[in-house]
Amino acid sequence: MGTFPVMLPVPDDREALLAPAMIKSSSRPSLTLTWGLMPHWTQALTPAPGSGLHASLEAAKITLAQATLEIIRELNGVRTDLARMRARYPALAALLDGRSQLPPKAASARPAP
């Protein structure tokens, strides 16, 4: 199976670019299409610091990191290569051992339901 790039025209308008209509599907099960934004679009899509999206993404990063640490801690009794991982990644080892901590999650800007 091989891969090859496909160039497609996209609208100049950001809203149109990210709209659901831009996601196409194929009726051929053997064909999978994936599209991604080019690096020069990255800055245009980065949320403004202090915006609701920025705060949500920051909270999501911390939540994901906390969940990942918990999973790694639980795997300690199952996996035999965790000592090697701790030696290779001292910052991660410090987090796992409690010698270091992740930043706290920011308080949610939305009121609780």
PDB file of N, CA and C in Angstrom:
ATOM      1  N   MET A   1       0.845  -1.164   0.000  1.00  0.00           N
ATOM      2  CA  MET A   1       0.000   0.000   0.000  1.00  0.00           C
ATOM      3  C   MET A   1       0.896   1.235   0.000  1.00  0.00           C
ATOM      4  N   GLY A   2       0.588   2.209  -0.812  1.00  0.00           N
ATOM      5  CA  GLY A   2       1.393   3.416  -0.887  1.00  0.00           C
ATOM      6  C   GLY A   2       0.588   4.653  -0.535  1.00  0.00           C
ATOM      7  N   THR A   3       1.297   5.739  -0.373  1.00  0.00           N
ATOM      8  CA  THR A   3       0.649   7.018  -0.111  1.00  0.00           C
ATOM      9  C   THR A   3       1.194   8.037  -1.093  1.00  0.00           C
ATOM     10  N   PHE A   4       0.408   9.042  -1.383  1.00  0.00           N
ATOM     11  CA  PHE A   4       0.860  10.125  -2.234  1.00  0.00           C
ATOM     12  C   PHE A   4       0.080  11.383  -1.863  1.00  0.00           C
ATOM     13  N   PRO A   5       0.726  12.543  -1.971  1.00  0.00           N
ATOM     14  CA  PRO A   5       0.042  13.797  -1.602  1.00  0.00           C
ATOM     15  C   PRO A   5      -0.970  14.212  -2.667  1.00  0.00           C
ATOM     16  N   VAL A   6      -2.005  14.865  -2.234  1.00  0.00           N
ATOM     17  CA  VAL A   6      -3.015  15.411  -3.129  1.00  0.00           C
ATOM     18  C   VAL A   6      -3.183  16.875  -2.776  1.00  0.00           C
ATOM     19  N   MET A   7      -3.125  17.749  -3.753  1.00  0.00           N
ATOM     20  CA  MET A   7      -3.308  19.181  -3.530  1.00  0.00           C
ATOM     21  C   MET A   7      -4.733  19.552  -3.903  1.00  0.00           C
ATOM     22  N   LEU A   8      -5.426  20.200  -2.986  1.00  0.00           N
ATOM     23  CA  LEU A   8      -6.793  20.620  -3.221  1.00  0.00           C
ATOM     24  C   LEU A   8      -6.929  22.110  -2.925  1.00  0.00           C
ATOM     25  N   PRO A   9      -7.721  22.825  -3.703  1.00  0.00           N
ATOM     26  CA  PRO A   9      -7.951  24.231  -3.368  1.00  0.00           C
ATOM     27  C   PRO A   9      -8.832  24.334  -2.126  1.00  0.00           C
ATOM     28  N   VAL A  10      -8.546  25.316  -1.289  1.00  0.00           N
ATOM     29  CA  VAL A  10      -9.358  25.548  -0.091  1.00  0.00           C
ATOM     30  C   VAL A  10      -9.770  27.013  -0.064  1.00  0.00           C
ATOM     31  N   PRO A  11     -10.866  27.327   0.594  1.00  0.00           N
ATOM     32  CA  PRO A  11     -11.318  28.720   0.648  1.00  0.00           C
ATOM     33  C   PRO A  11     -10.372  29.596   1.464  1.00  0.00           C
ATOM     34  N   ASP A  12     -10.352  30.887   1.139  1.00  0.00           N
ATOM     35  CA  ASP A  12      -9.523  31.842   1.879  1.00  0.00           C
ATOM     36  C   ASP A  12     -10.115  32.152   3.251  1.00  0.00           C
ATOM     37  N   ASP A  13     -11.415  32.002   3.394  1.00  0.00           N
ATOM     38  CA  ASP A  13     -12.112  32.343   4.628  1.00  0.00           C
ATOM     39  C   ASP A  13     -11.904  31.251   5.677  1.00  0.00           C
ATOM     40  N   ARG A  14     -11.442  31.626   6.871  1.00  0.00           N
ATOM     41  CA  ARG A  14     -11.155  30.665   7.944  1.00  0.00           C
ATOM     42  C   ARG A  14     -12.404  29.893   8.350  1.00  0.00           C
ATOM     43  N   GLU A  15     -13.536  30.587   8.465  1.00  0.00           N
ATOM     44  CA  GLU A  15     -14.773  29.921   8.866  1.00  0.00           C
ATOM     45  C   GLU A  15     -15.177  28.856   7.837  1.00  0.00           C
ATOM     46  N   ALA A  16     -15.052  29.196   6.573  1.00  0.00           N
ATOM     47  CA  ALA A  16     -15.391  28.237   5.528  1.00  0.00           C
ATOM     48  C   ALA A  16     -14.405  27.068   5.522  1.00  0.00           C
ATOM     49  N   LEU A  17     -13.128  27.366   5.785  1.00  0.00           N
ATOM     50  CA  LEU A  17     -12.100  26.330   5.798  1.00  0.00           C
ATOM     51  C   LEU A  17     -12.372  25.297   6.880  1.00  0.00           C
ATOM     52  N   LEU A  18     -12.787  25.757   8.053  1.00  0.00           N
ATOM     53  CA  LEU A  18     -12.995  24.860   9.178  1.00  0.00           C
ATOM     54  C   LEU A  18     -14.431  24.360   9.286  1.00  0.00           C
ATOM     55  N   ALA A  19     -15.282  24.751   8.374  1.00  0.00           N
ATOM     56  CA  ALA A  19     -16.687  24.352   8.412  1.00  0.00           C
ATOM     57  C   ALA A  19     -16.836  22.857   8.121  1.00  0.00           C
ATOM     58  N   PRO A  20     -17.909  22.247   8.629  1.00  0.00           N
ATOM     59  CA  PRO A  20     -18.125  20.816   8.371  1.00  0.00           C
ATOM     60  C   PRO A  20     -18.202  20.478   6.887  1.00  0.00           C
ATOM     61  N   ALA A  21     -18.614  21.439   6.055  1.00  0.00           N
ATOM     62  CA  ALA A  21     -18.724  21.157   4.619  1.00  0.00           C
ATOM     63  C   ALA A  21     -17.361  20.870   3.994  1.00  0.00           C
ATOM     64  N   MET A  22     -16.277  21.280   4.629  1.00  0.00           N
ATOM     65  CA  MET A  22     -14.939  21.027   4.096  1.00  0.00           C
ATOM     66  C   MET A  22     -14.515  19.578   4.296  1.00  0.00           C
ATOM     67  N   ILE A  23     -15.179  18.859   5.189  1.00  0.00           N
ATOM     68  CA  ILE A  23     -14.833  17.467   5.429  1.00  0.00           C
ATOM     69  C   ILE A  23     -15.588  16.622   4.409  1.00  0.00           C
ATOM     70  N   LYS A  24     -14.858  15.941   3.605  1.00  0.00           N
ATOM     71  CA  LYS A  24     -15.440  15.132   2.534  1.00  0.00           C
ATOM     72  C   LYS A  24     -15.371  13.657   2.898  1.00  0.00           C
ATOM     73  N   SER A  25     -16.274  12.887   2.363  1.00  0.00           N
ATOM     74  CA  SER A  25     -16.225  11.446   2.580  1.00  0.00           C
ATOM     75  C   SER A  25     -16.201  10.750   1.231  1.00  0.00           C
ATOM     76  N   SER A  26     -15.753   9.530   1.256  1.00  0.00           N
ATOM     77  CA  SER A  26     -15.666   8.753   0.030  1.00  0.00           C
ATOM     78  C   SER A  26     -16.621   7.571   0.119  1.00  0.00           C
ATOM     79  N   SER A  27     -17.245   7.242  -0.995  1.00  0.00           N
ATOM     80  CA  SER A  27     -18.128   6.081  -1.015  1.00  0.00           C
ATOM     81  C   SER A  27     -17.347   4.805  -1.315  1.00  0.00           C
ATOM     82  N   ARG A  28     -16.044   4.957  -1.529  1.00  0.00           N
ATOM     83  CA  ARG A  28     -15.193   3.795  -1.792  1.00  0.00           C
ATOM     84  C   ARG A  28     -14.479   3.401  -0.505  1.00  0.00           C
ATOM     85  N   PRO A  29     -14.775   2.246   0.054  1.00  0.00           N
ATOM     86  CA  PRO A  29     -14.176   1.868   1.336  1.00  0.00           C
ATOM     87  C   PRO A  29     -12.661   1.718   1.284  1.00  0.00           C
ATOM     88  N   SER A  30     -12.092   1.518   0.119  1.00  0.00           N
ATOM     89  CA  SER A  30     -10.646   1.338   0.039  1.00  0.00           C
ATOM     90  C   SER A  30      -9.900   2.666  -0.031  1.00  0.00           C
ATOM     91  N   LEU A  31     -10.628   3.776  -0.063  1.00  0.00           N
ATOM     92  CA  LEU A  31     -10.004   5.088  -0.193  1.00  0.00           C
ATOM     93  C   LEU A  31     -10.205   5.890   1.080  1.00  0.00           C
ATOM     94  N   THR A  32      -9.113   6.344   1.661  1.00  0.00           N
ATOM     95  CA  THR A  32      -9.179   7.174   2.848  1.00  0.00           C
ATOM     96  C   THR A  32      -8.536   8.517   2.543  1.00  0.00           C
ATOM     97  N   LEU A  33      -9.257   9.589   2.804  1.00  0.00           N
ATOM     98  CA  LEU A  33      -8.735  10.935   2.598  1.00  0.00           C
ATOM     99  C   LEU A  33      -8.500  11.606   3.946  1.00  0.00           C
ATOM    100  N   THR A  34      -7.355  12.224   4.088  1.00  0.00           N
ATOM    101  CA  THR A  34      -7.037  12.990   5.282  1.00  0.00           C
ATOM    102  C   THR A  34      -6.448  14.314   4.840  1.00  0.00           C
ATOM    103  N   TRP A  35      -6.879  15.387   5.474  1.00  0.00           N
ATOM    104  CA  TRP A  35      -6.282  16.669   5.132  1.00  0.00           C
ATOM    105  C   TRP A  35      -5.802  17.335   6.394  1.00  0.00           C
ATOM    106  N   GLY A  36      -4.770  18.114   6.263  1.00  0.00           N
ATOM    107  CA  GLY A  36      -4.220  18.855   7.391  1.00  0.00           C
ATOM    108  C   GLY A  36      -3.789  20.228   6.943  1.00  0.00           C
ATOM    109  N   LEU A  37      -3.816  21.146   7.862  1.00  0.00           N
ATOM    110  CA  LEU A  37      -3.414  22.511   7.553  1.00  0.00           C
ATOM    111  C   LEU A  37      -1.895  22.601   7.452  1.00  0.00           C
ATOM    112  N   MET A  38      -1.429  23.410   6.566  1.00  0.00           N
ATOM    113  CA  MET A  38       0.007  23.588   6.380  1.00  0.00           C
ATOM    114  C   MET A  38       0.564  24.469   7.493  1.00  0.00           C
ATOM    115  N   PRO A  39       1.854  24.374   7.769  1.00  0.00           N
ATOM    116  CA  PRO A  39       2.442  25.119   8.888  1.00  0.00           C
ATOM    117  C   PRO A  39       2.170  26.621   8.860  1.00  0.00           C
ATOM    118  N   HIS A  40       2.058  27.233   7.678  1.00  0.00           N
ATOM    119  CA  HIS A  40       1.829  28.681   7.655  1.00  0.00           C
ATOM    120  C   HIS A  40       0.434  29.044   8.170  1.00  0.00           C
ATOM    121  N   TRP A  41      -0.440  28.069   8.366  1.00  0.00           N
ATOM    122  CA  TRP A  41      -1.758  28.319   8.951  1.00  0.00           C
ATOM    123  C   TRP A  41      -1.745  28.185  10.463  1.00  0.00           C
ATOM    124  N   THR A  42      -0.735  27.564  11.001  1.00  0.00           N
ATOM    125  CA  THR A  42      -0.718  27.266  12.428  1.00  0.00           C
ATOM    126  C   THR A  42      -0.923  28.513  13.279  1.00  0.00           C
ATOM    127  N   GLN A  43      -0.190  29.570  12.989  1.00  0.00           N
ATOM    128  CA  GLN A  43      -0.301  30.779  13.802  1.00  0.00           C
ATOM    129  C   GLN A  43      -1.702  31.381  13.704  1.00  0.00           C
ATOM    130  N   ALA A  44      -2.311  31.321  12.537  1.00  0.00           N
ATOM    131  CA  ALA A  44      -3.648  31.879  12.369  1.00  0.00           C
ATOM    132  C   ALA A  44      -4.685  31.111  13.179  1.00  0.00           C
ATOM    133  N   LEU A  45      -4.426  29.861  13.468  1.00  0.00           N
ATOM    134  CA  LEU A  45      -5.374  29.039  14.211  1.00  0.00           C
ATOM    135  C   LEU A  45      -5.051  28.942  15.697  1.00  0.00           C
ATOM    136  N   THR A  46      -3.938  29.506  16.136  1.00  0.00           N
ATOM    137  CA  THR A  46      -3.559  29.471  17.535  1.00  0.00           C
ATOM    138  C   THR A  46      -4.465  30.409  18.323  1.00  0.00           C
ATOM    139  N   PRO A  47      -5.066  29.931  19.409  1.00  0.00           N
ATOM    140  CA  PRO A  47      -5.969  30.801  20.166  1.00  0.00           C
ATOM    141  C   PRO A  47      -5.223  31.954  20.822  1.00  0.00           C
ATOM    142  N   ALA A  48      -5.879  33.082  20.915  1.00  0.00           N
ATOM    143  CA  ALA A  48      -5.290  34.262  21.548  1.00  0.00           C
ATOM    144  C   ALA A  48      -5.131  34.011  23.045  1.00  0.00           C
ATOM    145  N   PRO A  49      -3.968  34.373  23.621  1.00  0.00           N
ATOM    146  CA  PRO A  49      -3.788  34.209  25.063  1.00  0.00           C
ATOM    147  C   PRO A  49      -4.900  34.939  25.820  1.00  0.00           C
ATOM    148  N   GLY A  50      -5.428  34.259  26.823  1.00  0.00           N
ATOM    149  CA  GLY A  50      -6.494  34.854  27.626  1.00  0.00           C
ATOM    150  C   GLY A  50      -7.896  34.568  27.094  1.00  0.00           C
ATOM    151  N   SER A  51      -7.991  34.031  25.884  1.00  0.00           N
ATOM    152  CA  SER A  51      -9.315  33.730  25.331  1.00  0.00           C
ATOM    153  C   SER A  51      -9.864  32.473  25.998  1.00  0.00           C
ATOM    154  N   GLY A  52     -11.150  32.251  25.834  1.00  0.00           N
ATOM    155  CA  GLY A  52     -11.771  31.052  26.396  1.00  0.00           C
ATOM    156  C   GLY A  52     -11.182  29.788  25.818  1.00  0.00           C
ATOM    157  N   LEU A  53     -10.894  29.804  24.501  1.00  0.00           N
ATOM    158  CA  LEU A  53     -10.305  28.632  23.868  1.00  0.00           C
ATOM    159  C   LEU A  53      -8.911  28.363  24.422  1.00  0.00           C
ATOM    160  N   HIS A  54      -8.138  29.399  24.606  1.00  0.00           N
ATOM    161  CA  HIS A  54      -6.787  29.248  25.152  1.00  0.00           C
ATOM    162  C   HIS A  54      -6.844  28.634  26.549  1.00  0.00           C
ATOM    163  N   ALA A  55      -7.728  29.147  27.392  1.00  0.00           N
ATOM    164  CA  ALA A  55      -7.859  28.617  28.761  1.00  0.00           C
ATOM    165  C   ALA A  55      -8.304  27.161  28.740  1.00  0.00           C
ATOM    166  N   SER A  56      -9.225  26.837  27.855  1.00  0.00           N
ATOM    167  CA  SER A  56      -9.706  25.457  27.764  1.00  0.00           C
ATOM    168  C   SER A  56      -8.602  24.515  27.315  1.00  0.00           C
ATOM    169  N   LEU A  57      -7.806  24.937  26.332  1.00  0.00           N
ATOM    170  CA  LEU A  57      -6.718  24.098  25.849  1.00  0.00           C
ATOM    171  C   LEU A  57      -5.652  23.903  26.922  1.00  0.00           C
ATOM    172  N   GLU A  58      -5.355  24.951  27.674  1.00  0.00           N
ATOM    173  CA  GLU A  58      -4.367  24.832  28.753  1.00  0.00           C
ATOM    174  C   GLU A  58      -4.853  23.848  29.809  1.00  0.00           C
ATOM    175  N   ALA A  59      -6.122  23.938  30.184  1.00  0.00           N
ATOM    176  CA  ALA A  59      -6.682  23.012  31.168  1.00  0.00           C
ATOM    177  C   ALA A  59      -6.682  21.589  30.631  1.00  0.00           C
ATOM    178  N   ALA A  60      -6.983  21.430  29.345  1.00  0.00           N
ATOM    179  CA  ALA A  60      -6.996  20.097  28.739  1.00  0.00           C
ATOM    180  C   ALA A  60      -5.606  19.482  28.734  1.00  0.00           C
ATOM    181  N   LYS A  61      -4.578  20.288  28.483  1.00  0.00           N
ATOM    182  CA  LYS A  61      -3.209  19.769  28.492  1.00  0.00           C
ATOM    183  C   LYS A  61      -2.847  19.209  29.864  1.00  0.00           C
ATOM    184  N   ILE A  62      -3.181  19.958  30.918  1.00  0.00           N
ATOM    185  CA  ILE A  62      -2.860  19.516  32.280  1.00  0.00           C
ATOM    186  C   ILE A  62      -3.662  18.268  32.626  1.00  0.00           C
ATOM    187  N   THR A  63      -4.934  18.247  32.259  1.00  0.00           N
ATOM    188  CA  THR A  63      -5.774  17.079  32.532  1.00  0.00           C
ATOM    189  C   THR A  63      -5.223  15.842  31.835  1.00  0.00           C
ATOM    190  N   LEU A  64      -4.821  15.980  30.575  1.00  0.00           N
ATOM    191  CA  LEU A  64      -4.245  14.861  29.839  1.00  0.00           C
ATOM    192  C   LEU A  64      -2.937  14.399  30.475  1.00  0.00           C
ATOM    193  N   ALA A  65      -2.096  15.338  30.895  1.00  0.00           N
ATOM    194  CA  ALA A  65      -0.828  14.976  31.539  1.00  0.00           C
ATOM    195  C   ALA A  65      -1.085  14.241  32.854  1.00  0.00           C
ATOM    196  N   GLN A  66      -2.063  14.717  33.639  1.00  0.00           N
ATOM    197  CA  GLN A  66      -2.380  14.045  34.901  1.00  0.00           C
ATOM    198  C   GLN A  66      -2.892  12.624  34.659  1.00  0.00           C
ATOM    199  N   ALA A  67      -3.750  12.454  33.667  1.00  0.00           N
ATOM    200  CA  ALA A  67      -4.274  11.124  33.344  1.00  0.00           C
ATOM    201  C   ALA A  67      -3.147  10.207  32.870  1.00  0.00           C
ATOM    202  N   THR A  68      -2.244  10.737  32.071  1.00  0.00           N
ATOM    203  CA  THR A  68      -1.114   9.945  31.577  1.00  0.00           C
ATOM    204  C   THR A  68      -0.225   9.489  32.723  1.00  0.00           C
ATOM    205  N   LEU A  69       0.062  10.378  33.659  1.00  0.00           N
ATOM    206  CA  LEU A  69       0.876   9.999  34.819  1.00  0.00           C
ATOM    207  C   LEU A  69       0.190   8.908  35.632  1.00  0.00           C
ATOM    208  N   GLU A  70      -1.113   9.031  35.817  1.00  0.00           N
ATOM    209  CA  GLU A  70      -1.854   8.022  36.580  1.00  0.00           C
ATOM    210  C   GLU A  70      -1.794   6.665  35.885  1.00  0.00           C
ATOM    211  N   ILE A  71      -1.924   6.654  34.577  1.00  0.00           N
ATOM    212  CA  ILE A  71      -1.851   5.392  33.823  1.00  0.00           C
ATOM    213  C   ILE A  71      -0.463   4.780  33.959  1.00  0.00           C
ATOM    214  N   ILE A  72       0.573   5.597  33.845  1.00  0.00           N
ATOM    215  CA  ILE A  72       1.939   5.074  33.970  1.00  0.00           C
ATOM    216  C   ILE A  72       2.159   4.527  35.377  1.00  0.00           C
ATOM    217  N   ARG A  73       1.652   5.227  36.391  1.00  0.00           N
ATOM    218  CA  ARG A  73       1.791   4.722  37.772  1.00  0.00           C
ATOM    219  C   ARG A  73       1.107   3.365  37.930  1.00  0.00           C
ATOM    220  N   GLU A  74      -0.076   3.209  37.344  1.00  0.00           N
ATOM    221  CA  GLU A  74      -0.814   1.954  37.446  1.00  0.00           C
ATOM    222  C   GLU A  74      -0.110   0.828  36.684  1.00  0.00           C
ATOM    223  N   LEU A  75       0.611   1.164  35.634  1.00  0.00           N
ATOM    224  CA  LEU A  75       1.330   0.159  34.859  1.00  0.00           C
ATOM    225  C   LEU A  75       2.588  -0.327  35.568  1.00  0.00           C
ATOM    226  N   ASN A  76       2.973   0.318  36.635  1.00  0.00           N
ATOM    227  CA  ASN A  76       4.205  -0.025  37.343  1.00  0.00           C
ATOM    228  C   ASN A  76       4.248  -1.497  37.740  1.00  0.00           C
ATOM    229  N   GLY A  77       3.116  -2.073  38.115  1.00  0.00           N
ATOM    230  CA  GLY A  77       3.104  -3.472  38.504  1.00  0.00           C
ATOM    231  C   GLY A  77       3.035  -4.434  37.337  1.00  0.00           C
ATOM    232  N   VAL A  78       2.787  -3.919  36.134  1.00  0.00           N
ATOM    233  CA  VAL A  78       2.604  -4.768  34.965  1.00  0.00           C
ATOM    234  C   VAL A  78       3.800  -4.714  34.024  1.00  0.00           C
ATOM    235  N   ARG A  79       4.305  -3.527  33.789  1.00  0.00           N
ATOM    236  CA  ARG A  79       5.403  -3.343  32.829  1.00  0.00           C
ATOM    237  C   ARG A  79       6.750  -3.558  33.505  1.00  0.00           C
ATOM    238  N   THR A  80       7.682  -4.126  32.793  1.00  0.00           N
ATOM    239  CA  THR A  80       9.017  -4.370  33.351  1.00  0.00           C
ATOM    240  C   THR A  80      10.035  -3.342  32.880  1.00  0.00           C
ATOM    241  N   ASP A  81       9.663  -2.468  31.945  1.00  0.00           N
ATOM    242  CA  ASP A  81      10.621  -1.515  31.391  1.00  0.00           C
ATOM    243  C   ASP A  81      10.492  -0.109  31.981  1.00  0.00           C
ATOM    244  N   LEU A  82       9.706   0.050  33.057  1.00  0.00           N
ATOM    245  CA  LEU A  82       9.511   1.388  33.604  1.00  0.00           C
ATOM    246  C   LEU A  82      10.768   1.943  34.274  1.00  0.00           C
ATOM    247  N   ALA A  83      11.609   1.085  34.824  1.00  0.00           N
ATOM    248  CA  ALA A  83      12.858   1.562  35.430  1.00  0.00           C
ATOM    249  C   ALA A  83      13.748   2.192  34.359  1.00  0.00           C
ATOM    250  N   ARG A  84      13.780   1.579  33.197  1.00  0.00           N
ATOM    251  CA  ARG A  84      14.567   2.131  32.091  1.00  0.00           C
ATOM    252  C   ARG A  84      13.984   3.468  31.634  1.00  0.00           C
ATOM    253  N   MET A  85      12.654   3.557  31.591  1.00  0.00           N
ATOM    254  CA  MET A  85      12.002   4.800  31.194  1.00  0.00           C
ATOM    255  C   MET A  85      12.309   5.910  32.201  1.00  0.00           C
ATOM    256  N   ARG A  86      12.277   5.571  33.484  1.00  0.00           N
ATOM    257  CA  ARG A  86      12.593   6.562  34.523  1.00  0.00           C
ATOM    258  C   ARG A  86      14.030   7.052  34.394  1.00  0.00           C
ATOM    259  N   ALA A  87      14.943   6.151  34.080  1.00  0.00           N
ATOM    260  CA  ALA A  87      16.342   6.542  33.917  1.00  0.00           C
ATOM    261  C   ALA A  87      16.527   7.425  32.686  1.00  0.00           C
ATOM    262  N   ARG A  88      15.787   7.131  31.662  1.00  0.00           N
ATOM    263  CA  ARG A  88      15.923   7.879  30.409  1.00  0.00           C
ATOM    264  C   ARG A  88      15.269   9.256  30.482  1.00  0.00           C
ATOM    265  N   TYR A  89      14.193   9.382  31.271  1.00  0.00           N
ATOM    266  CA  TYR A  89      13.440  10.637  31.366  1.00  0.00           C
ATOM    267  C   TYR A  89      13.357  11.072  32.830  1.00  0.00           C
ATOM    268  N   PRO A  90      14.396  11.725  33.344  1.00  0.00           N
ATOM    269  CA  PRO A  90      14.425  12.110  34.757  1.00  0.00           C
ATOM    270  C   PRO A  90      13.264  13.033  35.168  1.00  0.00           C
ATOM    271  N   ALA A  91      12.846  13.918  34.282  1.00  0.00           N
ATOM    272  CA  ALA A  91      11.732  14.810  34.631  1.00  0.00           C
ATOM    273  C   ALA A  91      10.448  14.006  34.834  1.00  0.00           C
ATOM    274  N   LEU A  92      10.219  13.006  34.005  1.00  0.00           N
ATOM    275  CA  LEU A  92       9.058  12.144  34.161  1.00  0.00           C
ATOM    276  C   LEU A  92       9.175  11.322  35.441  1.00  0.00           C
ATOM    277  N   ALA A  93      10.365  10.823  35.722  1.00  0.00           N
ATOM    278  CA  ALA A  93      10.584  10.059  36.951  1.00  0.00           C
ATOM    279  C   ALA A  93      10.273  10.911  38.174  1.00  0.00           C
ATOM    280  N   ALA A  94      10.671  12.174  38.139  1.00  0.00           N
ATOM    281  CA  ALA A  94      10.391  13.071  39.264  1.00  0.00           C
ATOM    282  C   ALA A  94       8.891  13.278  39.441  1.00  0.00           C
ATOM    283  N   LEU A  95       8.164  13.378  38.348  1.00  0.00           N
ATOM    284  CA  LEU A  95       6.706  13.506  38.426  1.00  0.00           C
ATOM    285  C   LEU A  95       6.071  12.236  38.987  1.00  0.00           C
ATOM    286  N   LEU A  96       6.540  11.094  38.516  1.00  0.00           N
ATOM    287  CA  LEU A  96       5.988   9.818  38.967  1.00  0.00           C
ATOM    288  C   LEU A  96       6.280   9.558  40.440  1.00  0.00           C
ATOM    289  N   ASP A  97       7.443   9.997  40.903  1.00  0.00           N
ATOM    290  CA  ASP A  97       7.856   9.770  42.293  1.00  0.00           C
ATOM    291  C   ASP A  97       7.324  10.830  43.248  1.00  0.00           C
ATOM    292  N   GLY A  98       6.719  11.886  42.718  1.00  0.00           N
ATOM    293  CA  GLY A  98       6.212  12.953  43.578  1.00  0.00           C
ATOM    294  C   GLY A  98       7.249  13.994  43.955  1.00  0.00           C
ATOM    295  N   ARG A  99       8.447  13.914  43.386  1.00  0.00           N
ATOM    296  CA  ARG A  99       9.478  14.916  43.672  1.00  0.00           C
ATOM    297  C   ARG A  99       9.239  16.202  42.900  1.00  0.00           C
ATOM    298  N   SER A 100       8.384  16.140  41.900  1.00  0.00           N
ATOM    299  CA  SER A 100       8.007  17.284  41.080  1.00  0.00           C
ATOM    300  C   SER A 100       6.504  17.197  40.842  1.00  0.00           C
ATOM    301  N   GLN A 101       5.891  18.327  40.511  1.00  0.00           N
ATOM    302  CA  GLN A 101       4.451  18.326  40.277  1.00  0.00           C
ATOM    303  C   GLN A 101       4.122  19.088  39.012  1.00  0.00           C
ATOM    304  N   LEU A 102       3.022  18.700  38.387  1.00  0.00           N
ATOM    305  CA  LEU A 102       2.502  19.447  37.246  1.00  0.00           C
ATOM    306  C   LEU A 102       1.899  20.747  37.760  1.00  0.00           C
ATOM    307  N   PRO A 103       1.811  21.751  36.907  1.00  0.00           N
ATOM    308  CA  PRO A 103       1.131  22.977  37.335  1.00  0.00           C
ATOM    309  C   PRO A 103      -0.330  22.662  37.648  1.00  0.00           C
ATOM    310  N   PRO A 104      -0.911  23.417  38.565  1.00  0.00           N
ATOM    311  CA  PRO A 104      -2.333  23.163  38.874  1.00  0.00           C
ATOM    312  C   PRO A 104      -3.208  23.582  37.710  1.00  0.00           C
ATOM    313  N   LYS A 105      -4.364  22.937  37.626  1.00  0.00           N
ATOM    314  CA  LYS A 105      -5.332  23.325  36.598  1.00  0.00           C
ATOM    315  C   LYS A 105      -5.888  24.698  36.966  1.00  0.00           C
ATOM    316  N   ALA A 106      -6.028  25.548  35.945  1.00  0.00           N
ATOM    317  CA  ALA A 106      -6.628  26.854  36.174  1.00  0.00           C
ATOM    318  C   ALA A 106      -8.103  26.667  36.490  1.00  0.00           C
ATOM    319  N   ALA A 107      -8.626  27.561  37.304  1.00  0.00           N
ATOM    320  CA  ALA A 107     -10.057  27.511  37.620  1.00  0.00           C
ATOM    321  C   ALA A 107     -10.852  27.758  36.359  1.00  0.00           C
ATOM    322  N   SER A 108     -11.933  27.034  36.211  1.00  0.00           N
ATOM    323  CA  SER A 108     -12.774  27.176  35.036  1.00  0.00           C
ATOM    324  C   SER A 108     -13.425  28.556  35.009  1.00  0.00           C
ATOM    325  N   ALA A 109     -13.453  29.144  33.818  1.00  0.00           N
ATOM    326  CA  ALA A 109     -14.070  30.455  33.673  1.00  0.00           C
ATOM    327  C   ALA A 109     -15.596  30.352  33.674  1.00  0.00           C
ATOM    328  N   ARG A 110     -16.104  29.158  33.418  1.00  0.00           N
ATOM    329  CA  ARG A 110     -17.555  28.970  33.390  1.00  0.00           C
ATOM    330  C   ARG A 110     -18.072  28.592  34.761  1.00  0.00           C
ATOM    331  N   PRO A 111     -19.266  29.056  35.105  1.00  0.00           N
ATOM    332  CA  PRO A 111     -19.852  28.629  36.377  1.00  0.00           C
ATOM    333  C   PRO A 111     -20.224  27.146  36.319  1.00  0.00           C
ATOM    334  N   ALA A 112     -20.155  26.504  37.442  1.00  0.00           N
ATOM    335  CA  ALA A 112     -20.505  25.080  37.503  1.00  0.00           C
ATOM    336  C   ALA A 112     -21.981  24.906  37.227  1.00  0.00           C
ATOM    337  N   PRO A 113     -22.367  23.803  36.541  1.00  0.00           N
ATOM    338  CA  PRO A 113     -23.795  23.579  36.232  1.00  0.00           C
ATOM    339  C   PRO A 113     -24.590  23.257  37.473  1.00  0.00           C
TER     340      PRO A 113
END
